[in-house]
């Protein structure tokens, strides 16, 4: 049970990281668009 919980936690962290990256990417795109 511990192993599966650990795996789930890792997957959740990865998903959050991907989401944060995409959010930061779109935010930077928006900022760049504002400065054009």
PDB file of N, CA and C in Angstrom:
ATOM      1  N   UNK A   1       0.838  -1.201   0.000  1.00  0.00           N
ATOM      2  CA  UNK A   1       0.000   0.000   0.000  1.00  0.00           C
ATOM      3  C   UNK A   1       0.875   1.254   0.000  1.00  0.00           C
ATOM      4  N   UNK A   2       1.960   1.190   0.758  1.00  0.00           N
ATOM      5  CA  UNK A   2       2.851   2.356   0.813  1.00  0.00           C
ATOM      6  C   UNK A   2       3.426   2.669  -0.564  1.00  0.00           C
ATOM      7  N   UNK A   3       3.797   1.606  -1.285  1.00  0.00           N
ATOM      8  CA  UNK A   3       4.406   1.817  -2.597  1.00  0.00           C
ATOM      9  C   UNK A   3       3.441   2.508  -3.559  1.00  0.00           C
ATOM     10  N   UNK A   4       2.189   2.056  -3.578  1.00  0.00           N
ATOM     11  CA  UNK A   4       1.219   2.660  -4.497  1.00  0.00           C
ATOM     12  C   UNK A   4       0.950   4.106  -4.099  1.00  0.00           C
ATOM     13  N   UNK A   5       0.926   4.373  -2.802  1.00  0.00           N
ATOM     14  CA  UNK A   5       0.709   5.752  -2.349  1.00  0.00           C
ATOM     15  C   UNK A   5       1.868   6.625  -2.798  1.00  0.00           C
ATOM     16  N   UNK A   6       3.066   6.068  -2.706  1.00  0.00           N
ATOM     17  CA  UNK A   6       4.244   6.828  -3.132  1.00  0.00           C
ATOM     18  C   UNK A   6       4.180   7.115  -4.628  1.00  0.00           C
ATOM     19  N   UNK A   7       3.774   6.102  -5.405  1.00  0.00           N
ATOM     20  CA  UNK A   7       3.652   6.277  -6.849  1.00  0.00           C
ATOM     21  C   UNK A   7       2.617   7.342  -7.177  1.00  0.00           C
ATOM     22  N   UNK A   8       1.481   7.286  -6.492  1.00  0.00           N
ATOM     23  CA  UNK A   8       0.426   8.270  -6.738  1.00  0.00           C
ATOM     24  C   UNK A   8       0.924   9.670  -6.423  1.00  0.00           C
ATOM     25  N   UNK A   9       1.667   9.811  -5.329  1.00  0.00           N
ATOM     26  CA  UNK A   9       2.201  11.121  -4.954  1.00  0.00           C
ATOM     27  C   UNK A   9       3.157  11.628  -6.025  1.00  0.00           C
ATOM     28  N   UNK A  10       3.994  10.741  -6.541  1.00  0.00           N
ATOM     29  CA  UNK A  10       4.940  11.143  -7.584  1.00  0.00           C
ATOM     30  C   UNK A  10       4.203  11.588  -8.840  1.00  0.00           C
ATOM     31  N   UNK A  11       3.187  10.823  -9.232  1.00  0.00           N
ATOM     32  CA  UNK A  11       2.419  11.176 -10.428  1.00  0.00           C
ATOM     33  C   UNK A  11       1.739  12.523 -10.245  1.00  0.00           C
ATOM     34  N   UNK A  12       1.182  12.756  -9.053  1.00  0.00           N
ATOM     35  CA  UNK A  12       0.508  14.021  -8.788  1.00  0.00           C
ATOM     36  C   UNK A  12       1.504  15.168  -8.870  1.00  0.00           C
ATOM     37  N   UNK A  13       2.695  14.963  -8.302  1.00  0.00           N
ATOM     38  CA  UNK A  13       3.726  16.006  -8.364  1.00  0.00           C
ATOM     39  C   UNK A  13       4.086  16.307  -9.807  1.00  0.00           C
ATOM     40  N   UNK A  14       4.227  15.259 -10.626  1.00  0.00           N
ATOM     41  CA  UNK A  14       4.572  15.453 -12.030  1.00  0.00           C
ATOM     42  C   UNK A  14       3.479  16.244 -12.740  1.00  0.00           C
ATOM     43  N   UNK A  15       2.214  15.881 -12.492  1.00  0.00           N
ATOM     44  CA  UNK A  15       1.108  16.581 -13.133  1.00  0.00           C
ATOM     45  C   UNK A  15       1.096  18.045 -12.734  1.00  0.00           C
ATOM     46  N   UNK A  16       1.317  18.312 -11.441  1.00  0.00           N
ATOM     47  CA  UNK A  16       1.344  19.693 -10.965  1.00  0.00           C
ATOM     48  C   UNK A  16       2.492  20.450 -11.618  1.00  0.00           C
ATOM     49  N   UNK A  17       3.631  19.798 -11.754  1.00  0.00           N
ATOM     50  CA  UNK A  17       4.771  20.437 -12.391  1.00  0.00           C
ATOM     51  C   UNK A  17       4.472  20.790 -13.837  1.00  0.00           C
ATOM     52  N   UNK A  18       3.839  19.869 -14.554  1.00  0.00           N
ATOM     53  CA  UNK A  18       3.481  20.118 -15.954  1.00  0.00           C
ATOM     54  C   UNK A  18       2.494  21.272 -16.046  1.00  0.00           C
ATOM     55  N   UNK A  19       1.499  21.270 -15.153  1.00  0.00           N
ATOM     56  CA  UNK A  19       0.518  22.348 -15.154  1.00  0.00           C
ATOM     57  C   UNK A  19       1.192  23.684 -14.881  1.00  0.00           C
ATOM     58  N   UNK A  20       2.085  23.716 -13.897  1.00  0.00           N
ATOM     59  CA  UNK A  20       2.778  24.955 -13.549  1.00  0.00           C
ATOM     60  C   UNK A  20       3.596  25.441 -14.742  1.00  0.00           C
ATOM     61  N   UNK A  21       4.253  24.511 -15.434  1.00  0.00           N
ATOM     62  CA  UNK A  21       5.057  24.890 -16.592  1.00  0.00           C
ATOM     63  C   UNK A  21       4.185  25.476 -17.691  1.00  0.00           C
ATOM     64  N   UNK A  22       3.061  24.840 -17.983  1.00  0.00           N
ATOM     65  CA  UNK A  22       2.193  25.339 -19.050  1.00  0.00           C
ATOM     66  C   UNK A  22       1.601  26.690 -18.677  1.00  0.00           C
ATOM     67  N   UNK A  23       1.253  26.860 -17.390  1.00  0.00           N
ATOM     68  CA  UNK A  23       0.715  28.146 -16.935  1.00  0.00           C
ATOM     69  C   UNK A  23       1.780  29.228 -17.074  1.00  0.00           C
ATOM     70  N   UNK A  24       2.999  28.930 -16.627  1.00  0.00           N
ATOM     71  CA  UNK A  24       4.089  29.902 -16.732  1.00  0.00           C
ATOM     72  C   UNK A  24       4.366  30.220 -18.195  1.00  0.00           C
ATOM     73  N   UNK A  25       4.296  29.208 -19.051  1.00  0.00           N
ATOM     74  CA  UNK A  25       4.555  29.408 -20.471  1.00  0.00           C
ATOM     75  C   UNK A  25       3.512  30.337 -21.080  1.00  0.00           C
ATOM     76  N   UNK A  26       2.245  30.082 -20.816  1.00  0.00           N
ATOM     77  CA  UNK A  26       1.191  30.927 -21.379  1.00  0.00           C
ATOM     78  C   UNK A  26       1.266  32.332 -20.793  1.00  0.00           C
ATOM     79  N   UNK A  27       1.633  32.441 -19.509  1.00  0.00           N
ATOM     80  CA  UNK A  27       1.755  33.756 -18.881  1.00  0.00           C
ATOM     81  C   UNK A  27       2.874  34.543 -19.548  1.00  0.00           C
ATOM     82  N   UNK A  28       4.004  33.897 -19.813  1.00  0.00           N
ATOM     83  CA  UNK A  28       5.115  34.597 -20.454  1.00  0.00           C
ATOM     84  C   UNK A  28       4.734  34.992 -21.875  1.00  0.00           C
ATOM     85  N   UNK A  29       3.993  34.136 -22.560  1.00  0.00           N
ATOM     86  CA  UNK A  29       3.530  34.476 -23.905  1.00  0.00           C
ATOM     87  C   UNK A  29       2.646  35.714 -23.860  1.00  0.00           C
ATOM     88  N   UNK A  30       1.757  35.775 -22.869  1.00  0.00           N
ATOM     89  CA  UNK A  30       0.866  36.925 -22.727  1.00  0.00           C
ATOM     90  C   UNK A  30       1.672  38.185 -22.454  1.00  0.00           C
ATOM     91  N   UNK A  31       2.650  38.082 -21.562  1.00  0.00           N
ATOM     92  CA  UNK A  31       3.483  39.245 -21.242  1.00  0.00           C
ATOM     93  C   UNK A  31       4.244  39.713 -22.478  1.00  0.00           C
ATOM     94  N   UNK A  32       4.806  38.763 -23.231  1.00  0.00           N
ATOM     95  CA  UNK A  32       5.530  39.133 -24.446  1.00  0.00           C
ATOM     96  C   UNK A  32       4.592  39.811 -25.432  1.00  0.00           C
ATOM     97  N   UNK A  33       3.361  39.317 -25.509  1.00  0.00           N
ATOM     98  CA  UNK A  33       2.382  39.924 -26.407  1.00  0.00           C
ATOM     99  C   UNK A  33       2.070  41.353 -25.997  1.00  0.00           C
ATOM    100  N   UNK A  34       2.047  41.614 -24.706  1.00  0.00           N
ATOM    101  CA  UNK A  34       1.755  42.965 -24.230  1.00  0.00           C
ATOM    102  C   UNK A  34       2.862  43.934 -24.621  1.00  0.00           C
ATOM    103  N   UNK A  35       4.105  43.454 -24.627  1.00  0.00           N
ATOM    104  CA  UNK A  35       5.226  44.357 -24.899  1.00  0.00           C
ATOM    105  C   UNK A  35       5.446  44.600 -26.382  1.00  0.00           C
ATOM    106  N   UNK A  36       4.760  43.848 -27.235  1.00  0.00           N
ATOM    107  CA  UNK A  36       4.957  44.038 -28.669  1.00  0.00           C
ATOM    108  C   UNK A  36       4.312  45.315 -29.156  1.00  0.00           C
TER     109      UNK A  36
END
